[in-house]
Amino acid sequence: MRDKILLKVLLPANRQTYEFWVPMGLRVSQGAWLISRILGAQERARYCASDDCDLMYAEGVSAGRLLAREEIFGVLAADDRIVDGSLLVLM
């Protein structure tokens, strides 16, 4: 089993998409927090990192639904709910 998955994350504040390699063992809440911190440091003028952030599906049948914060990325990948290149939105 691979230990990371490549996700595309849309930041609505600037309508830019960023790619992140996310460890499969990470919970969605932890991944969202880390992504928020990285984007907060990179896009200071447009985005302020938050401890209370979520990831939302941006495409497919689940578009508009939040990923469960307690879910583990590896489980989501094993169930094909996310795949390499899945587009998510940082909320």
PDB file of N, CA and C in Angstrom:
ATOM      1  N   MET A   1       0.844  -1.193   0.000  1.00  0.00           N
ATOM      2  CA  MET A   1       0.000   0.000   0.000  1.00  0.00           C
ATOM      3  C   MET A   1       0.884   1.249   0.000  1.00  0.00           C
ATOM      4  N   ARG A   2       0.551   2.157  -0.843  1.00  0.00           N
ATOM      5  CA  ARG A   2       1.282   3.423  -0.872  1.00  0.00           C
ATOM      6  C   ARG A   2       1.033   4.177   0.427  1.00  0.00           C
ATOM      7  N   ASP A   3       1.964   5.015   0.772  1.00  0.00           N
ATOM      8  CA  ASP A   3       1.816   5.720   2.039  1.00  0.00           C
ATOM      9  C   ASP A   3       1.312   7.153   1.897  1.00  0.00           C
ATOM     10  N   LYS A   4       1.104   7.625   0.654  1.00  0.00           N
ATOM     11  CA  LYS A   4       0.595   8.986   0.428  1.00  0.00           C
ATOM     12  C   LYS A   4      -0.347   9.004  -0.762  1.00  0.00           C
ATOM     13  N   ILE A   5      -1.212  10.019  -0.772  1.00  0.00           N
ATOM     14  CA  ILE A   5      -2.118  10.234  -1.900  1.00  0.00           C
ATOM     15  C   ILE A   5      -1.968  11.693  -2.350  1.00  0.00           C
ATOM     16  N   LEU A   6      -2.034  11.905  -3.654  1.00  0.00           N
ATOM     17  CA  LEU A   6      -1.924  13.255  -4.213  1.00  0.00           C
ATOM     18  C   LEU A   6      -3.321  13.862  -4.323  1.00  0.00           C
ATOM     19  N   LEU A   7      -3.520  14.981  -3.634  1.00  0.00           N
ATOM     20  CA  LEU A   7      -4.808  15.670  -3.672  1.00  0.00           C
ATOM     21  C   LEU A   7      -4.640  17.064  -4.239  1.00  0.00           C
ATOM     22  N   LYS A   8      -5.630  17.508  -4.985  1.00  0.00           N
ATOM     23  CA  LYS A   8      -5.685  18.880  -5.465  1.00  0.00           C
ATOM     24  C   LYS A   8      -6.658  19.615  -4.553  1.00  0.00           C
ATOM     25  N   VAL A   9      -6.229  20.758  -4.057  1.00  0.00           N
ATOM     26  CA  VAL A   9      -7.049  21.515  -3.107  1.00  0.00           C
ATOM     27  C   VAL A   9      -7.283  22.911  -3.651  1.00  0.00           C
ATOM     28  N   LEU A  10      -8.542  23.264  -3.797  1.00  0.00           N
ATOM     29  CA  LEU A  10      -8.943  24.589  -4.267  1.00  0.00           C
ATOM     30  C   LEU A  10      -9.074  25.516  -3.064  1.00  0.00           C
ATOM     31  N   LEU A  11      -8.445  26.661  -3.151  1.00  0.00           N
ATOM     32  CA  LEU A  11      -8.581  27.701  -2.137  1.00  0.00           C
ATOM     33  C   LEU A  11      -9.531  28.757  -2.691  1.00  0.00           C
ATOM     34  N   PRO A  12     -10.768  28.798  -2.209  1.00  0.00           N
ATOM     35  CA  PRO A  12     -11.758  29.727  -2.775  1.00  0.00           C
ATOM     36  C   PRO A  12     -11.337  31.202  -2.702  1.00  0.00           C
ATOM     37  N   ALA A  13     -10.524  31.554  -1.719  1.00  0.00           N
ATOM     38  CA  ALA A  13     -10.121  32.957  -1.544  1.00  0.00           C
ATOM     39  C   ALA A  13      -9.419  33.514  -2.774  1.00  0.00           C
ATOM     40  N   ASN A  14      -8.692  32.668  -3.493  1.00  0.00           N
ATOM     41  CA  ASN A  14      -8.001  33.166  -4.679  1.00  0.00           C
ATOM     42  C   ASN A  14      -8.266  32.314  -5.925  1.00  0.00           C
ATOM     43  N   ARG A  15      -9.138  31.340  -5.778  1.00  0.00           N
ATOM     44  CA  ARG A  15      -9.539  30.454  -6.881  1.00  0.00           C
ATOM     45  C   ARG A  15      -8.364  29.693  -7.489  1.00  0.00           C
ATOM     46  N   GLN A  16      -7.344  29.445  -6.681  1.00  0.00           N
ATOM     47  CA  GLN A  16      -6.172  28.696  -7.128  1.00  0.00           C
ATOM     48  C   GLN A  16      -6.248  27.270  -6.590  1.00  0.00           C
ATOM     49  N   THR A  17      -5.669  26.355  -7.345  1.00  0.00           N
ATOM     50  CA  THR A  17      -5.605  24.959  -6.942  1.00  0.00           C
ATOM     51  C   THR A  17      -4.165  24.608  -6.598  1.00  0.00           C
ATOM     52  N   TYR A  18      -3.989  23.884  -5.517  1.00  0.00           N
ATOM     53  CA  TYR A  18      -2.674  23.487  -5.035  1.00  0.00           C
ATOM     54  C   TYR A  18      -2.652  21.969  -4.902  1.00  0.00           C
ATOM     55  N   GLU A  19      -1.485  21.383  -5.102  1.00  0.00           N
ATOM     56  CA  GLU A  19      -1.349  19.939  -4.964  1.00  0.00           C
ATOM     57  C   GLU A  19      -0.602  19.616  -3.676  1.00  0.00           C
ATOM     58  N   PHE A  20      -1.106  18.588  -2.987  1.00  0.00           N
ATOM     59  CA  PHE A  20      -0.506  18.151  -1.735  1.00  0.00           C
ATOM     60  C   PHE A  20      -0.403  16.632  -1.720  1.00  0.00           C
ATOM     61  N   TRP A  21       0.749  16.124  -1.284  1.00  0.00           N
ATOM     62  CA  TRP A  21       0.896  14.699  -0.988  1.00  0.00           C
ATOM     63  C   TRP A  21       0.501  14.540   0.473  1.00  0.00           C
ATOM     64  N   VAL A  22      -0.553  13.790   0.715  1.00  0.00           N
ATOM     65  CA  VAL A  22      -1.088  13.628   2.064  1.00  0.00           C
ATOM     66  C   VAL A  22      -0.855  12.192   2.533  1.00  0.00           C
ATOM     67  N   PRO A  23      -0.290  12.008   3.734  1.00  0.00           N
ATOM     68  CA  PRO A  23      -0.079  10.658   4.256  1.00  0.00           C
ATOM     69  C   PRO A  23      -1.405   9.919   4.439  1.00  0.00           C
ATOM     70  N   MET A  24      -1.423   8.674   4.042  1.00  0.00           N
ATOM     71  CA  MET A  24      -2.636   7.850   4.132  1.00  0.00           C
ATOM     72  C   MET A  24      -3.110   7.657   5.570  1.00  0.00           C
ATOM     73  N   GLY A  25      -2.212   7.687   6.529  1.00  0.00           N
ATOM     74  CA  GLY A  25      -2.586   7.455   7.922  1.00  0.00           C
ATOM     75  C   GLY A  25      -3.147   8.669   8.634  1.00  0.00           C
ATOM     76  N   LEU A  26      -3.205   9.799   7.945  1.00  0.00           N
ATOM     77  CA  LEU A  26      -3.667  11.049   8.541  1.00  0.00           C
ATOM     78  C   LEU A  26      -5.192  11.126   8.552  1.00  0.00           C
ATOM     79  N   ARG A  27      -5.739  11.684   9.607  1.00  0.00           N
ATOM     80  CA  ARG A  27      -7.186  11.951   9.651  1.00  0.00           C
ATOM     81  C   ARG A  27      -7.474  13.198   8.809  1.00  0.00           C
ATOM     82  N   VAL A  28      -8.689  13.279   8.298  1.00  0.00           N
ATOM     83  CA  VAL A  28      -9.094  14.426   7.476  1.00  0.00           C
ATOM     84  C   VAL A  28      -8.917  15.727   8.255  1.00  0.00           C
ATOM     85  N   SER A  29      -9.272  15.747   9.524  1.00  0.00           N
ATOM     86  CA  SER A  29      -9.128  16.968  10.326  1.00  0.00           C
ATOM     87  C   SER A  29      -7.673  17.404  10.408  1.00  0.00           C
ATOM     88  N   GLN A  30      -6.756  16.452  10.552  1.00  0.00           N
ATOM     89  CA  GLN A  30      -5.336  16.772  10.611  1.00  0.00           C
ATOM     90  C   GLN A  30      -4.834  17.274   9.253  1.00  0.00           C
ATOM     91  N   GLY A  31      -5.275  16.628   8.182  1.00  0.00           N
ATOM     92  CA  GLY A  31      -4.878  17.044   6.845  1.00  0.00           C
ATOM     93  C   GLY A  31      -5.378  18.439   6.523  1.00  0.00           C
ATOM     94  N   ALA A  32      -6.627  18.715   6.859  1.00  0.00           N
ATOM     95  CA  ALA A  32      -7.196  20.046   6.612  1.00  0.00           C
ATOM     96  C   ALA A  32      -6.418  21.107   7.392  1.00  0.00           C
ATOM     97  N   TRP A  33      -6.075  20.791   8.635  1.00  0.00           N
ATOM     98  CA  TRP A  33      -5.326  21.729   9.471  1.00  0.00           C
ATOM     99  C   TRP A  33      -3.957  22.016   8.854  1.00  0.00           C
ATOM    100  N   LEU A  34      -3.244  20.961   8.442  1.00  0.00           N
ATOM    101  CA  LEU A  34      -1.923  21.144   7.842  1.00  0.00           C
ATOM    102  C   LEU A  34      -1.993  21.934   6.537  1.00  0.00           C
ATOM    103  N   ILE A  35      -2.952  21.590   5.696  1.00  0.00           N
ATOM    104  CA  ILE A  35      -3.120  22.308   4.427  1.00  0.00           C
ATOM    105  C   ILE A  35      -3.440  23.777   4.693  1.00  0.00           C
ATOM    106  N   SER A  36      -4.294  24.036   5.668  1.00  0.00           N
ATOM    107  CA  SER A  36      -4.643  25.404   6.038  1.00  0.00           C
ATOM    108  C   SER A  36      -3.409  26.181   6.479  1.00  0.00           C
ATOM    109  N   ARG A  37      -2.557  25.555   7.271  1.00  0.00           N
ATOM    110  CA  ARG A  37      -1.328  26.202   7.737  1.00  0.00           C
ATOM    111  C   ARG A  37      -0.380  26.514   6.571  1.00  0.00           C
ATOM    112  N   ILE A  38      -0.220  25.552   5.683  1.00  0.00           N
ATOM    113  CA  ILE A  38       0.675  25.752   4.544  1.00  0.00           C
ATOM    114  C   ILE A  38       0.166  26.888   3.657  1.00  0.00           C
ATOM    115  N   LEU A  39      -1.126  26.847   3.332  1.00  0.00           N
ATOM    116  CA  LEU A  39      -1.680  27.892   2.467  1.00  0.00           C
ATOM    117  C   LEU A  39      -1.718  29.243   3.171  1.00  0.00           C
ATOM    118  N   GLY A  40      -1.929  29.232   4.478  1.00  0.00           N
ATOM    119  CA  GLY A  40      -1.899  30.478   5.240  1.00  0.00           C
ATOM    120  C   GLY A  40      -0.531  31.141   5.190  1.00  0.00           C
ATOM    121  N   ALA A  41       0.525  30.326   5.200  1.00  0.00           N
ATOM    122  CA  ALA A  41       1.886  30.861   5.117  1.00  0.00           C
ATOM    123  C   ALA A  41       2.218  31.316   3.697  1.00  0.00           C
ATOM    124  N   GLN A  42       1.692  30.599   2.715  1.00  0.00           N
ATOM    125  CA  GLN A  42       2.008  30.896   1.316  1.00  0.00           C
ATOM    126  C   GLN A  42       1.155  32.032   0.751  1.00  0.00           C
ATOM    127  N   GLU A  43      -0.070  32.136   1.179  1.00  0.00           N
ATOM    128  CA  GLU A  43      -1.021  33.119   0.626  1.00  0.00           C
ATOM    129  C   GLU A  43      -1.485  34.100   1.701  1.00  0.00           C
ATOM    130  N   ARG A  44      -0.555  34.687   2.413  1.00  0.00           N
ATOM    131  CA  ARG A  44      -0.878  35.555   3.557  1.00  0.00           C
ATOM    132  C   ARG A  44      -1.836  36.687   3.224  1.00  0.00           C
ATOM    133  N   ALA A  45      -1.731  37.231   2.037  1.00  0.00           N
ATOM    134  CA  ALA A  45      -2.574  38.371   1.669  1.00  0.00           C
ATOM    135  C   ALA A  45      -4.025  37.968   1.417  1.00  0.00           C
ATOM    136  N   ARG A  46      -4.264  36.676   1.124  1.00  0.00           N
ATOM    137  CA  ARG A  46      -5.611  36.255   0.735  1.00  0.00           C
ATOM    138  C   ARG A  46      -6.247  35.238   1.666  1.00  0.00           C
ATOM    139  N   TYR A  47      -5.425  34.593   2.516  1.00  0.00           N
ATOM    140  CA  TYR A  47      -5.975  33.535   3.353  1.00  0.00           C
ATOM    141  C   TYR A  47      -5.290  33.531   4.713  1.00  0.00           C
ATOM    142  N   CYS A  48      -6.089  33.433   5.745  1.00  0.00           N
ATOM    143  CA  CYS A  48      -5.580  33.340   7.113  1.00  0.00           C
ATOM    144  C   CYS A  48      -5.876  31.933   7.611  1.00  0.00           C
ATOM    145  N   ALA A  49      -4.854  31.198   8.002  1.00  0.00           N
ATOM    146  CA  ALA A  49      -5.017  29.820   8.469  1.00  0.00           C
ATOM    147  C   ALA A  49      -6.000  29.765   9.631  1.00  0.00           C
ATOM    148  N   SER A  50      -6.726  28.660   9.699  1.00  0.00           N
ATOM    149  CA  SER A  50      -7.743  28.488  10.727  1.00  0.00           C
ATOM    150  C   SER A  50      -7.622  27.109  11.359  1.00  0.00           C
ATOM    151  N   ASP A  51      -7.878  27.051  12.656  1.00  0.00           N
ATOM    152  CA  ASP A  51      -7.925  25.752  13.338  1.00  0.00           C
ATOM    153  C   ASP A  51      -9.230  25.031  13.031  1.00  0.00           C
ATOM    154  N   ASP A  52     -10.228  25.780  12.597  1.00  0.00           N
ATOM    155  CA  ASP A  52     -11.553  25.219  12.321  1.00  0.00           C
ATOM    156  C   ASP A  52     -11.801  25.228  10.819  1.00  0.00           C
ATOM    157  N   CYS A  53     -11.192  24.274  10.112  1.00  0.00           N
ATOM    158  CA  CYS A  53     -11.360  24.206   8.668  1.00  0.00           C
ATOM    159  C   CYS A  53     -11.752  22.782   8.273  1.00  0.00           C
ATOM    160  N   ASP A  54     -12.310  22.661   7.108  1.00  0.00           N
ATOM    161  CA  ASP A  54     -12.771  21.370   6.602  1.00  0.00           C
ATOM    162  C   ASP A  54     -12.355  21.218   5.147  1.00  0.00           C
ATOM    163  N   LEU A  55     -12.473  19.989   4.668  1.00  0.00           N
ATOM    164  CA  LEU A  55     -12.275  19.697   3.254  1.00  0.00           C
ATOM    165  C   LEU A  55     -13.596  19.221   2.683  1.00  0.00           C
ATOM    166  N   MET A  56     -13.919  19.676   1.482  1.00  0.00           N
ATOM    167  CA  MET A  56     -15.176  19.344   0.835  1.00  0.00           C
ATOM    168  C   MET A  56     -14.887  18.765  -0.543  1.00  0.00           C
ATOM    169  N   TYR A  57     -15.679  17.770  -0.943  1.00  0.00           N
ATOM    170  CA  TYR A  57     -15.561  17.238  -2.301  1.00  0.00           C
ATOM    171  C   TYR A  57     -15.959  18.334  -3.287  1.00  0.00           C
ATOM    172  N   ALA A  58     -15.190  18.475  -4.372  1.00  0.00           N
ATOM    173  CA  ALA A  58     -15.479  19.508  -5.362  1.00  0.00           C
ATOM    174  C   ALA A  58     -16.033  18.946  -6.658  1.00  0.00           C
ATOM    175  N   GLU A  59     -16.031  17.622  -6.780  1.00  0.00           N
ATOM    176  CA  GLU A  59     -16.478  17.023  -8.040  1.00  0.00           C
ATOM    177  C   GLU A  59     -17.117  15.666  -7.778  1.00  0.00           C
ATOM    178  N   GLY A  60     -17.776  15.166  -8.790  1.00  0.00           N
ATOM    179  CA  GLY A  60     -18.388  13.845  -8.696  1.00  0.00           C
ATOM    180  C   GLY A  60     -19.713  13.852  -7.956  1.00  0.00           C
ATOM    181  N   VAL A  61     -20.172  12.680  -7.615  1.00  0.00           N
ATOM    182  CA  VAL A  61     -21.472  12.515  -6.958  1.00  0.00           C
ATOM    183  C   VAL A  61     -21.495  13.170  -5.579  1.00  0.00           C
ATOM    184  N   SER A  62     -20.351  13.229  -4.939  1.00  0.00           N
ATOM    185  CA  SER A  62     -20.269  13.775  -3.578  1.00  0.00           C
ATOM    186  C   SER A  62     -19.976  15.268  -3.540  1.00  0.00           C
ATOM    187  N   ALA A  63     -19.920  15.932  -4.692  1.00  0.00           N
ATOM    188  CA  ALA A  63     -19.601  17.363  -4.731  1.00  0.00           C
ATOM    189  C   ALA A  63     -20.485  18.140  -3.769  1.00  0.00           C
ATOM    190  N   GLY A  64     -19.852  19.002  -2.982  1.00  0.00           N
ATOM    191  CA  GLY A  64     -20.586  19.811  -2.017  1.00  0.00           C
ATOM    192  C   GLY A  64     -20.670  19.192  -0.635  1.00  0.00           C
ATOM    193  N   ARG A  65     -20.258  17.952  -0.500  1.00  0.00           N
ATOM    194  CA  ARG A  65     -20.289  17.288   0.812  1.00  0.00           C
ATOM    195  C   ARG A  65     -18.929  17.404   1.488  1.00  0.00           C
ATOM    196  N   LEU A  66     -18.975  17.609   2.802  1.00  0.00           N
ATOM    197  CA  LEU A  66     -17.740  17.648   3.575  1.00  0.00           C
ATOM    198  C   LEU A  66     -17.221  16.237   3.794  1.00  0.00           C
ATOM    199  N   LEU A  67     -15.915  16.093   3.804  1.00  0.00           N
ATOM    200  CA  LEU A  67     -15.312  14.825   4.194  1.00  0.00           C
ATOM    201  C   LEU A  67     -15.463  14.723   5.708  1.00  0.00           C
ATOM    202  N   ALA A  68     -15.757  13.544   6.208  1.00  0.00           N
ATOM    203  CA  ALA A  68     -15.896  13.346   7.649  1.00  0.00           C
ATOM    204  C   ALA A  68     -14.552  13.618   8.315  1.00  0.00           C
ATOM    205  N   ARG A  69     -14.532  14.491   9.282  1.00  0.00           N
ATOM    206  CA  ARG A  69     -13.292  14.926   9.926  1.00  0.00           C
ATOM    207  C   ARG A  69     -12.536  13.786  10.597  1.00  0.00           C
ATOM    208  N   GLU A  70     -13.231  12.783  11.079  1.00  0.00           N
ATOM    209  CA  GLU A  70     -12.580  11.672  11.779  1.00  0.00           C
ATOM    210  C   GLU A  70     -12.107  10.569  10.828  1.00  0.00           C
ATOM    211  N   GLU A  71     -12.495  10.656   9.574  1.00  0.00           N
ATOM    212  CA  GLU A  71     -12.114   9.638   8.582  1.00  0.00           C
ATOM    213  C   GLU A  71     -10.612   9.698   8.304  1.00  0.00           C
ATOM    214  N   ILE A  72     -10.038   8.574   7.940  1.00  0.00           N
ATOM    215  CA  ILE A  72      -8.617   8.486   7.621  1.00  0.00           C
ATOM    216  C   ILE A  72      -8.477   8.428   6.101  1.00  0.00           C
ATOM    217  N   PHE A  73      -7.517   9.197   5.570  1.00  0.00           N
ATOM    218  CA  PHE A  73      -7.345   9.277   4.118  1.00  0.00           C
ATOM    219  C   PHE A  73      -7.158   7.907   3.491  1.00  0.00           C
ATOM    220  N   GLY A  74      -6.444   7.011   4.148  1.00  0.00           N
ATOM    221  CA  GLY A  74      -6.233   5.669   3.609  1.00  0.00           C
ATOM    222  C   GLY A  74      -7.526   4.896   3.444  1.00  0.00           C
ATOM    223  N   VAL A  75      -8.462   5.071   4.367  1.00  0.00           N
ATOM    224  CA  VAL A  75      -9.770   4.410   4.274  1.00  0.00           C
ATOM    225  C   VAL A  75     -10.573   5.007   3.125  1.00  0.00           C
ATOM    226  N   LEU A  76     -10.530   6.333   2.995  1.00  0.00           N
ATOM    227  CA  LEU A  76     -11.227   6.986   1.881  1.00  0.00           C
ATOM    228  C   LEU A  76     -10.686   6.488   0.543  1.00  0.00           C
ATOM    229  N   ALA A  77      -9.367   6.320   0.457  1.00  0.00           N
ATOM    230  CA  ALA A  77      -8.748   5.841  -0.779  1.00  0.00           C
ATOM    231  C   ALA A  77      -9.094   4.376  -1.031  1.00  0.00           C
ATOM    232  N   ALA A  78      -9.091   3.569   0.009  1.00  0.00           N
ATOM    233  CA  ALA A  78      -9.407   2.144  -0.140  1.00  0.00           C
ATOM    234  C   ALA A  78     -10.842   1.946  -0.631  1.00  0.00           C
ATOM    235  N   ASP A  79     -11.739   2.844  -0.225  1.00  0.00           N
ATOM    236  CA  ASP A  79     -13.141   2.780  -0.646  1.00  0.00           C
ATOM    237  C   ASP A  79     -13.395   3.544  -1.945  1.00  0.00           C
ATOM    238  N   ASP A  80     -12.339   4.043  -2.576  1.00  0.00           N
ATOM    239  CA  ASP A  80     -12.427   4.843  -3.811  1.00  0.00           C
ATOM    240  C   ASP A  80     -13.253   6.107  -3.654  1.00  0.00           C
ATOM    241  N   ARG A  81     -13.305   6.638  -2.436  1.00  0.00           N
ATOM    242  CA  ARG A  81     -13.983   7.917  -2.237  1.00  0.00           C
ATOM    243  C   ARG A  81     -13.059   9.073  -2.579  1.00  0.00           C
ATOM    244  N   ILE A  82     -11.740   8.818  -2.568  1.00  0.00           N
ATOM    245  CA  ILE A  82     -10.749   9.743  -3.101  1.00  0.00           C
ATOM    246  C   ILE A  82      -9.712   8.915  -3.865  1.00  0.00           C
ATOM    247  N   VAL A  83      -9.135   9.515  -4.876  1.00  0.00           N
ATOM    248  CA  VAL A  83      -8.087   8.882  -5.679  1.00  0.00           C
ATOM    249  C   VAL A  83      -7.015   9.932  -5.922  1.00  0.00           C
ATOM    250  N   ASP A  84      -5.852   9.510  -6.436  1.00  0.00           N
ATOM    251  CA  ASP A  84      -4.838  10.487  -6.797  1.00  0.00           C
ATOM    252  C   ASP A  84      -5.454  11.518  -7.732  1.00  0.00           C
ATOM    253  N   GLY A  85      -5.272  12.782  -7.411  1.00  0.00           N
ATOM    254  CA  GLY A  85      -5.792  13.852  -8.247  1.00  0.00           C
ATOM    255  C   GLY A  85      -7.187  14.318  -7.881  1.00  0.00           C
ATOM    256  N   SER A  86      -7.789  13.731  -6.841  1.00  0.00           N
ATOM    257  CA  SER A  86      -9.121  14.191  -6.421  1.00  0.00           C
ATOM    258  C   SER A  86      -9.078  15.669  -6.081  1.00  0.00           C
ATOM    259  N   LEU A  87     -10.119  16.392  -6.511  1.00  0.00           N
ATOM    260  CA  LEU A  87     -10.203  17.824  -6.238  1.00  0.00           C
ATOM    261  C   LEU A  87     -11.069  18.050  -5.000  1.00  0.00           C
ATOM    262  N   LEU A  88     -10.489  18.724  -4.012  1.00  0.00           N
ATOM    263  CA  LEU A  88     -11.190  19.059  -2.779  1.00  0.00           C
ATOM    264  C   LEU A  88     -11.146  20.571  -2.599  1.00  0.00           C
ATOM    265  N   VAL A  89     -12.039  21.090  -1.765  1.00  0.00           N
ATOM    266  CA  VAL A  89     -12.075  22.531  -1.477  1.00  0.00           C
ATOM    267  C   VAL A  89     -11.778  22.713  -0.005  1.00  0.00           C
ATOM    268  N   LEU A  90     -10.876  23.647   0.312  1.00  0.00           N
ATOM    269  CA  LEU A  90     -10.585  23.985   1.698  1.00  0.00           C
ATOM    270  C   LEU A  90     -11.645  24.959   2.160  1.00  0.00           C
ATOM    271  N   MET A  91     -12.373  24.592   3.184  1.00  0.00           N
ATOM    272  CA  MET A  91     -13.461  25.414   3.711  1.00  0.00           C
ATOM    273  C   MET A  91     -13.082  25.984   5.070  1.00  0.00           C
TER     274      MET A  91
END
